[in-house]
């Protein structure tokens, strides 16, 4: 298997996992479970930072996502 194909598969699985984490976080927020959302936010931001570390996403994209997730949490509070 070519390196580019291997990286593409890995990056796709990482992005899929990130989307799942973000979707779960937003679902918890919309359900009004603020305490549970506060516990999930560090896990989501950590996963996003790890995606930057491995080159899956760019730093500005992750900063924007983290900012929007945090703002959503503060609006729900």
PDB file of N, CA and C in Angstrom:
ATOM      1  N   UNK A   1       0.846  -1.186   0.000  1.00  0.00           N
ATOM      2  CA  UNK A   1       0.000   0.000   0.000  1.00  0.00           C
ATOM      3  C   UNK A   1       0.887   1.243   0.000  1.00  0.00           C
ATOM      4  N   UNK A   2       0.539   2.177  -0.831  1.00  0.00           N
ATOM      5  CA  UNK A   2       1.316   3.410  -0.906  1.00  0.00           C
ATOM      6  C   UNK A   2       1.144   4.227   0.364  1.00  0.00           C
ATOM      7  N   UNK A   3       2.182   4.999   0.693  1.00  0.00           N
ATOM      8  CA  UNK A   3       2.118   5.835   1.892  1.00  0.00           C
ATOM      9  C   UNK A   3       0.955   6.805   1.837  1.00  0.00           C
ATOM     10  N   UNK A   4       0.705   7.372   0.670  1.00  0.00           N
ATOM     11  CA  UNK A   4      -0.377   8.352   0.556  1.00  0.00           C
ATOM     12  C   UNK A   4      -1.725   7.703   0.850  1.00  0.00           C
ATOM     13  N   UNK A   5      -1.919   6.474   0.405  1.00  0.00           N
ATOM     14  CA  UNK A   5      -3.170   5.764   0.677  1.00  0.00           C
ATOM     15  C   UNK A   5      -3.296   5.452   2.171  1.00  0.00           C
ATOM     16  N   UNK A   6      -2.195   5.036   2.768  1.00  0.00           N
ATOM     17  CA  UNK A   6      -2.195   4.710   4.191  1.00  0.00           C
ATOM     18  C   UNK A   6      -2.521   5.959   5.011  1.00  0.00           C
ATOM     19  N   UNK A   7      -1.877   7.072   4.666  1.00  0.00           N
ATOM     20  CA  UNK A   7      -2.136   8.327   5.385  1.00  0.00           C
ATOM     21  C   UNK A   7      -3.576   8.786   5.195  1.00  0.00           C
ATOM     22  N   UNK A   8      -4.082   8.605   3.963  1.00  0.00           N
ATOM     23  CA  UNK A   8      -5.457   9.006   3.676  1.00  0.00           C
ATOM     24  C   UNK A   8      -6.435   8.216   4.541  1.00  0.00           C
ATOM     25  N   UNK A   9      -6.220   6.914   4.675  1.00  0.00           N
ATOM     26  CA  UNK A   9      -7.087   6.088   5.513  1.00  0.00           C
ATOM     27  C   UNK A   9      -7.001   6.524   6.977  1.00  0.00           C
ATOM     28  N   UNK A  10      -5.789   6.773   7.437  1.00  0.00           N
ATOM     29  CA  UNK A  10      -5.603   7.190   8.829  1.00  0.00           C
ATOM     30  C   UNK A  10      -6.258   8.540   9.079  1.00  0.00           C
ATOM     31  N   UNK A  11      -6.013   9.495   8.174  1.00  0.00           N
ATOM     32  CA  UNK A  11      -6.584  10.828   8.341  1.00  0.00           C
ATOM     33  C   UNK A  11      -8.107  10.787   8.309  1.00  0.00           C
ATOM     34  N   UNK A  12      -8.659   9.949   7.450  1.00  0.00           N
ATOM     35  CA  UNK A  12     -10.109   9.836   7.370  1.00  0.00           C
ATOM     36  C   UNK A  12     -10.693   9.289   8.667  1.00  0.00           C
ATOM     37  N   UNK A  13     -10.021   8.301   9.250  1.00  0.00           N
ATOM     38  CA  UNK A  13     -10.535   7.727  10.498  1.00  0.00           C
ATOM     39  C   UNK A  13     -10.425   8.739  11.638  1.00  0.00           C
ATOM     40  N   UNK A  14      -9.350   9.528  11.662  1.00  0.00           N
ATOM     41  CA  UNK A  14      -9.189  10.549  12.697  1.00  0.00           C
ATOM     42  C   UNK A  14     -10.276  11.610  12.546  1.00  0.00           C
ATOM     43  N   UNK A  15     -10.520  12.067  11.319  1.00  0.00           N
ATOM     44  CA  UNK A  15     -11.548  13.078  11.079  1.00  0.00           C
ATOM     45  C   UNK A  15     -12.931  12.552  11.437  1.00  0.00           C
ATOM     46  N   UNK A  16     -13.178  11.287  11.130  1.00  0.00           N
ATOM     47  CA  UNK A  16     -14.464  10.675  11.469  1.00  0.00           C
ATOM     48  C   UNK A  16     -14.662  10.652  12.981  1.00  0.00           C
ATOM     49  N   UNK A  17     -13.615  10.293  13.706  1.00  0.00           N
ATOM     50  CA  UNK A  17     -13.677  10.268  15.164  1.00  0.00           C
ATOM     51  C   UNK A  17     -13.906  11.678  15.716  1.00  0.00           C
ATOM     52  N   UNK A  18     -13.242  12.676  15.148  1.00  0.00           N
ATOM     53  CA  UNK A  18     -13.417  14.053  15.591  1.00  0.00           C
ATOM     54  C   UNK A  18     -14.851  14.520  15.353  1.00  0.00           C
ATOM     55  N   UNK A  19     -15.394  14.177  14.191  1.00  0.00           N
ATOM     56  CA  UNK A  19     -16.772  14.559  13.898  1.00  0.00           C
ATOM     57  C   UNK A  19     -17.740  13.914  14.877  1.00  0.00           C
ATOM     58  N   UNK A  20     -17.477  12.660  15.226  1.00  0.00           N
ATOM     59  CA  UNK A  20     -18.328  11.950  16.183  1.00  0.00           C
ATOM     60  C   UNK A  20     -18.251  12.616  17.556  1.00  0.00           C
ATOM     61  N   UNK A  21     -17.047  12.953  17.995  1.00  0.00           N
ATOM     62  CA  UNK A  21     -16.883  13.621  19.287  1.00  0.00           C
ATOM     63  C   UNK A  21     -17.610  14.965  19.319  1.00  0.00           C
ATOM     64  N   UNK A  22     -17.453  15.735  18.242  1.00  0.00           N
ATOM     65  CA  UNK A  22     -18.086  17.054  18.180  1.00  0.00           C
ATOM     66  C   UNK A  22     -19.610  16.921  18.158  1.00  0.00           C
ATOM     67  N   UNK A  23     -20.100  15.957  17.415  1.00  0.00           N
ATOM     68  CA  UNK A  23     -21.548  15.742  17.318  1.00  0.00           C
ATOM     69  C   UNK A  23     -22.123  15.338  18.679  1.00  0.00           C
ATOM     70  N   UNK A  24     -21.427  14.446  19.378  1.00  0.00           N
ATOM     71  CA  UNK A  24     -21.880  14.030  20.705  1.00  0.00           C
ATOM     72  C   UNK A  24     -21.879  15.209  21.674  1.00  0.00           C
ATOM     73  N   UNK A  25     -20.845  16.039  21.597  1.00  0.00           N
ATOM     74  CA  UNK A  25     -20.735  17.205  22.469  1.00  0.00           C
ATOM     75  C   UNK A  25     -21.896  18.156  22.221  1.00  0.00           C
ATOM     76  N   UNK A  26     -22.172  18.429  20.955  1.00  0.00           N
ATOM     77  CA  UNK A  26     -23.269  19.344  20.619  1.00  0.00           C
ATOM     78  C   UNK A  26     -24.625  18.750  21.005  1.00  0.00           C
ATOM     79  N   UNK A  27     -24.773  17.448  20.900  1.00  0.00           N
ATOM     80  CA  UNK A  27     -26.025  16.798  21.304  1.00  0.00           C
ATOM     81  C   UNK A  27     -26.236  16.934  22.812  1.00  0.00           C
ATOM     82  N   UNK A  28     -25.181  16.766  23.576  1.00  0.00           N
ATOM     83  CA  UNK A  28     -25.269  16.913  25.036  1.00  0.00           C
ATOM     84  C   UNK A  28     -25.622  18.351  25.389  1.00  0.00           C
ATOM     85  N   UNK A  29     -25.005  19.306  24.692  1.00  0.00           N
ATOM     86  CA  UNK A  29     -25.305  20.723  24.936  1.00  0.00           C
ATOM     87  C   UNK A  29     -26.760  21.042  24.631  1.00  0.00           C
ATOM     88  N   UNK A  30     -27.239  20.561  23.504  1.00  0.00           N
ATOM     89  CA  UNK A  30     -28.611  20.870  23.111  1.00  0.00           C
ATOM     90  C   UNK A  30     -29.627  20.180  24.019  1.00  0.00           C
ATOM     91  N   UNK A  31     -29.205  19.090  24.662  1.00  0.00           N
ATOM     92  CA  UNK A  31     -30.090  18.405  25.603  1.00  0.00           C
ATOM     93  C   UNK A  31     -30.124  19.124  26.948  1.00  0.00           C
ATOM     94  N   UNK A  32     -29.258  20.125  27.110  1.00  0.00           N
ATOM     95  CA  UNK A  32     -29.264  20.909  28.342  1.00  0.00           C
ATOM     96  C   UNK A  32     -28.423  20.320  29.463  1.00  0.00           C
ATOM     97  N   UNK A  33     -27.603  19.346  29.156  1.00  0.00           N
ATOM     98  CA  UNK A  33     -26.747  18.720  30.173  1.00  0.00           C
ATOM     99  C   UNK A  33     -25.421  19.468  30.238  1.00  0.00           C
ATOM    100  N   UNK A  34     -25.427  20.596  30.935  1.00  0.00           N
ATOM    101  CA  UNK A  34     -24.258  21.484  30.949  1.00  0.00           C
ATOM    102  C   UNK A  34     -23.080  20.878  31.699  1.00  0.00           C
ATOM    103  N   UNK A  35     -23.352  20.150  32.781  1.00  0.00           N
ATOM    104  CA  UNK A  35     -22.260  19.541  33.546  1.00  0.00           C
ATOM    105  C   UNK A  35     -21.539  18.480  32.721  1.00  0.00           C
ATOM    106  N   UNK A  36     -22.325  17.673  32.020  1.00  0.00           N
ATOM    107  CA  UNK A  36     -21.726  16.622  31.201  1.00  0.00           C
ATOM    108  C   UNK A  36     -20.951  17.237  30.031  1.00  0.00           C
ATOM    109  N   UNK A  37     -21.481  18.330  29.464  1.00  0.00           N
ATOM    110  CA  UNK A  37     -20.798  19.004  28.366  1.00  0.00           C
ATOM    111  C   UNK A  37     -19.474  19.595  28.833  1.00  0.00           C
ATOM    112  N   UNK A  38     -19.462  20.116  30.062  1.00  0.00           N
ATOM    113  CA  UNK A  38     -18.221  20.682  30.603  1.00  0.00           C
ATOM    114  C   UNK A  38     -17.150  19.613  30.760  1.00  0.00           C
ATOM    115  N   UNK A  39     -17.560  18.377  31.010  1.00  0.00           N
ATOM    116  CA  UNK A  39     -16.594  17.281  31.127  1.00  0.00           C
ATOM    117  C   UNK A  39     -16.128  16.799  29.757  1.00  0.00           C
ATOM    118  N   UNK A  40     -16.988  16.938  28.743  1.00  0.00           N
ATOM    119  CA  UNK A  40     -16.632  16.472  27.404  1.00  0.00           C
ATOM    120  C   UNK A  40     -15.719  17.441  26.656  1.00  0.00           C
ATOM    121  N   UNK A  41     -15.837  18.725  26.947  1.00  0.00           N
ATOM    122  CA  UNK A  41     -15.066  19.727  26.192  1.00  0.00           C
ATOM    123  C   UNK A  41     -13.558  19.478  26.229  1.00  0.00           C
ATOM    124  N   UNK A  42     -12.945  19.193  27.375  1.00  0.00           N
ATOM    125  CA  UNK A  42     -11.496  18.931  27.361  1.00  0.00           C
ATOM    126  C   UNK A  42     -11.106  17.730  26.490  1.00  0.00           C
ATOM    127  N   UNK A  43     -11.949  16.714  26.445  1.00  0.00           N
ATOM    128  CA  UNK A  43     -11.649  15.545  25.615  1.00  0.00           C
ATOM    129  C   UNK A  43     -11.700  15.905  24.132  1.00  0.00           C
ATOM    130  N   UNK A  44     -12.679  16.731  23.770  1.00  0.00           N
ATOM    131  CA  UNK A  44     -12.809  17.143  22.369  1.00  0.00           C
ATOM    132  C   UNK A  44     -11.628  18.025  21.970  1.00  0.00           C
ATOM    133  N   UNK A  45     -11.285  18.986  22.815  1.00  0.00           N
ATOM    134  CA  UNK A  45     -10.176  19.884  22.476  1.00  0.00           C
ATOM    135  C   UNK A  45      -8.849  19.122  22.425  1.00  0.00           C
ATOM    136  N   UNK A  46      -8.681  18.153  23.301  1.00  0.00           N
ATOM    137  CA  UNK A  46      -7.465  17.343  23.289  1.00  0.00           C
ATOM    138  C   UNK A  46      -7.361  16.554  21.984  1.00  0.00           C
ATOM    139  N   UNK A  47      -8.468  15.976  21.551  1.00  0.00           N
ATOM    140  CA  UNK A  47      -8.468  15.211  20.299  1.00  0.00           C
ATOM    141  C   UNK A  47      -8.164  16.125  19.112  1.00  0.00           C
ATOM    142  N   UNK A  48      -8.695  17.335  19.137  1.00  0.00           N
ATOM    143  CA  UNK A  48      -8.414  18.288  18.060  1.00  0.00           C
ATOM    144  C   UNK A  48      -6.932  18.664  18.046  1.00  0.00           C
ATOM    145  N   UNK A  49      -6.368  18.898  19.225  1.00  0.00           N
ATOM    146  CA  UNK A  49      -4.946  19.244  19.302  1.00  0.00           C
ATOM    147  C   UNK A  49      -4.067  18.099  18.810  1.00  0.00           C
ATOM    148  N   UNK A  50      -4.459  16.873  19.098  1.00  0.00           N
ATOM    149  CA  UNK A  50      -3.690  15.726  18.628  1.00  0.00           C
ATOM    150  C   UNK A  50      -3.771  15.603  17.105  1.00  0.00           C
ATOM    151  N   UNK A  51      -4.911  15.993  16.533  1.00  0.00           N
ATOM    152  CA  UNK A  51      -5.049  15.966  15.075  1.00  0.00           C
ATOM    153  C   UNK A  51      -4.082  16.955  14.431  1.00  0.00           C
ATOM    154  N   UNK A  52      -3.874  18.101  15.092  1.00  0.00           N
ATOM    155  CA  UNK A  52      -2.890  19.074  14.587  1.00  0.00           C
ATOM    156  C   UNK A  52      -1.494  18.502  14.718  1.00  0.00           C
ATOM    157  N   UNK A  53      -1.219  17.872  15.836  1.00  0.00           N
ATOM    158  CA  UNK A  53       0.105  17.315  16.106  1.00  0.00           C
ATOM    159  C   UNK A  53       0.514  16.321  15.021  1.00  0.00           C
ATOM    160  N   UNK A  54      -0.453  15.528  14.542  1.00  0.00           N
ATOM    161  CA  UNK A  54      -0.156  14.523  13.532  1.00  0.00           C
ATOM    162  C   UNK A  54      -0.412  15.016  12.109  1.00  0.00           C
ATOM    163  N   UNK A  55      -0.752  16.311  11.953  1.00  0.00           N
ATOM    164  CA  UNK A  55      -0.891  16.884  10.625  1.00  0.00           C
ATOM    165  C   UNK A  55      -2.192  16.575   9.923  1.00  0.00           C
ATOM    166  N   UNK A  56      -3.204  16.130  10.649  1.00  0.00           N
ATOM    167  CA  UNK A  56      -4.493  15.806  10.033  1.00  0.00           C
ATOM    168  C   UNK A  56      -5.270  17.084   9.734  1.00  0.00           C
ATOM    169  N   UNK A  57      -5.256  18.028  10.664  1.00  0.00           N
ATOM    170  CA  UNK A  57      -5.924  19.319  10.503  1.00  0.00           C
ATOM    171  C   UNK A  57      -4.912  20.433  10.729  1.00  0.00           C
ATOM    172  N   UNK A  58      -5.224  21.613  10.201  1.00  0.00           N
ATOM    173  CA  UNK A  58      -4.320  22.750  10.401  1.00  0.00           C
ATOM    174  C   UNK A  58      -4.649  23.455  11.708  1.00  0.00           C
ATOM    175  N   UNK A  59      -3.679  24.152  12.247  1.00  0.00           N
ATOM    176  CA  UNK A  59      -3.832  24.857  13.520  1.00  0.00           C
ATOM    177  C   UNK A  59      -4.977  25.887  13.486  1.00  0.00           C
ATOM    178  N   UNK A  60      -5.079  26.732  12.440  1.00  0.00           N
ATOM    179  CA  UNK A  60      -6.181  27.710  12.437  1.00  0.00           C
ATOM    180  C   UNK A  60      -7.565  27.057  12.436  1.00  0.00           C
ATOM    181  N   UNK A  61      -7.708  25.947  11.737  1.00  0.00           N
ATOM    182  CA  UNK A  61      -8.988  25.240  11.699  1.00  0.00           C
ATOM    183  C   UNK A  61      -9.352  24.739  13.087  1.00  0.00           C
ATOM    184  N   UNK A  62      -8.389  24.174  13.770  1.00  0.00           N
ATOM    185  CA  UNK A  62      -8.639  23.638  15.112  1.00  0.00           C
ATOM    186  C   UNK A  62      -8.931  24.763  16.094  1.00  0.00           C
ATOM    187  N   UNK A  63      -8.192  25.862  15.996  1.00  0.00           N
ATOM    188  CA  UNK A  63      -8.460  26.996  16.887  1.00  0.00           C
ATOM    189  C   UNK A  63      -9.881  27.513  16.696  1.00  0.00           C
ATOM    190  N   UNK A  64     -10.320  27.586  15.445  1.00  0.00           N
ATOM    191  CA  UNK A  64     -11.680  28.054  15.156  1.00  0.00           C
ATOM    192  C   UNK A  64     -12.723  27.095  15.731  1.00  0.00           C
ATOM    193  N   UNK A  65     -12.496  25.789  15.553  1.00  0.00           N
ATOM    194  CA  UNK A  65     -13.443  24.800  16.080  1.00  0.00           C
ATOM    195  C   UNK A  65     -13.510  24.856  17.602  1.00  0.00           C
ATOM    196  N   UNK A  66     -12.354  24.942  18.243  1.00  0.00           N
ATOM    197  CA  UNK A  66     -12.335  24.999  19.708  1.00  0.00           C
ATOM    198  C   UNK A  66     -13.038  26.254  20.204  1.00  0.00           C
ATOM    199  N   UNK A  67     -12.824  27.361  19.528  1.00  0.00           N
ATOM    200  CA  UNK A  67     -13.463  28.616  19.916  1.00  0.00           C
ATOM    201  C   UNK A  67     -14.977  28.501  19.798  1.00  0.00           C
ATOM    202  N   UNK A  68     -15.454  27.955  18.718  1.00  0.00           N
ATOM    203  CA  UNK A  68     -16.895  27.833  18.504  1.00  0.00           C
ATOM    204  C   UNK A  68     -17.532  26.876  19.500  1.00  0.00           C
ATOM    205  N   UNK A  69     -16.823  25.806  19.840  1.00  0.00           N
ATOM    206  CA  UNK A  69     -17.358  24.866  20.833  1.00  0.00           C
ATOM    207  C   UNK A  69     -17.443  25.522  22.213  1.00  0.00           C
ATOM    208  N   UNK A  70     -16.427  26.299  22.558  1.00  0.00           N
ATOM    209  CA  UNK A  70     -16.411  26.979  23.850  1.00  0.00           C
ATOM    210  C   UNK A  70     -17.504  28.042  23.913  1.00  0.00           C
ATOM    211  N   UNK A  71     -17.670  28.782  22.831  1.00  0.00           N
ATOM    212  CA  UNK A  71     -18.721  29.804  22.787  1.00  0.00           C
ATOM    213  C   UNK A  71     -20.104  29.141  22.911  1.00  0.00           C
ATOM    214  N   UNK A  72     -20.284  28.004  22.268  1.00  0.00           N
ATOM    215  CA  UNK A  72     -21.557  27.293  22.365  1.00  0.00           C
ATOM    216  C   UNK A  72     -21.825  26.874  23.809  1.00  0.00           C
ATOM    217  N   UNK A  73     -20.771  26.452  24.505  1.00  0.00           N
ATOM    218  CA  UNK A  73     -20.941  26.049  25.906  1.00  0.00           C
ATOM    219  C   UNK A  73     -21.332  27.241  26.756  1.00  0.00           C
ATOM    220  N   UNK A  74     -20.701  28.400  26.545  1.00  0.00           N
ATOM    221  CA  UNK A  74     -21.007  29.585  27.339  1.00  0.00           C
ATOM    222  C   UNK A  74     -22.407  30.111  27.051  1.00  0.00           C
ATOM    223  N   UNK A  75     -22.851  29.980  25.816  1.00  0.00           N
ATOM    224  CA  UNK A  75     -24.210  30.415  25.481  1.00  0.00           C
ATOM    225  C   UNK A  75     -25.253  29.509  26.132  1.00  0.00           C
ATOM    226  N   UNK A  76     -24.917  28.233  26.269  1.00  0.00           N
ATOM    227  CA  UNK A  76     -25.865  27.291  26.875  1.00  0.00           C
ATOM    228  C   UNK A  76     -25.951  27.512  28.382  1.00  0.00           C
ATOM    229  N   UNK A  77     -24.911  28.070  28.964  1.00  0.00           N
ATOM    230  CA  UNK A  77     -24.882  28.242  30.420  1.00  0.00           C
ATOM    231  C   UNK A  77     -25.781  29.367  30.890  1.00  0.00           C
TER     232      UNK A  77
END
